[in-house]
Amino acid sequence: MTNGNESRLDRVEHLLDRLAEQNDAANRRMDRMEERHQALSETVEIIAGMQRENEAIHRKNEELMTRALEAIHSLARIAEAHEHRLDNLENQ
C-alpha cells in the first residue's frame, strides 16, 4: 500500500505545485493590472487638468471676443456719426 499512497502523494504534490504556479501567475497578472490602473489614473488626472485649463482659456477667449465685438460696434457707430456729419457739411 505504500506504493499507492506514494502515488497519491505525488499527485497531490503535483497539484499543489500547479496551484502554486497558477497563484504566482495570477499575482504577476494582478501586479501588472495594478500598474496599468495606476498609469491610467495618472493619465486621467492629467487629462482632467488639461481640460480645466482649456475651459479657462476658452472663457478668456470668449470674454476677449465679446470686448472686441463691442469695440467694433462702437467704432461702427462713430464712423456712421462721422459719415452723417460729413454729409451734413457737404449739403450746406
Foldseek 3Di string as FASTA:
>chain_A
DVVVVVVVVVVVVVVVVVVVVVVVVVVVVVVVVVVVVVVVVVVVVVVVVVVVVVVVVVVVVVVVVVVVVVVVVVVVVVVVVVVVVVVVVVVD
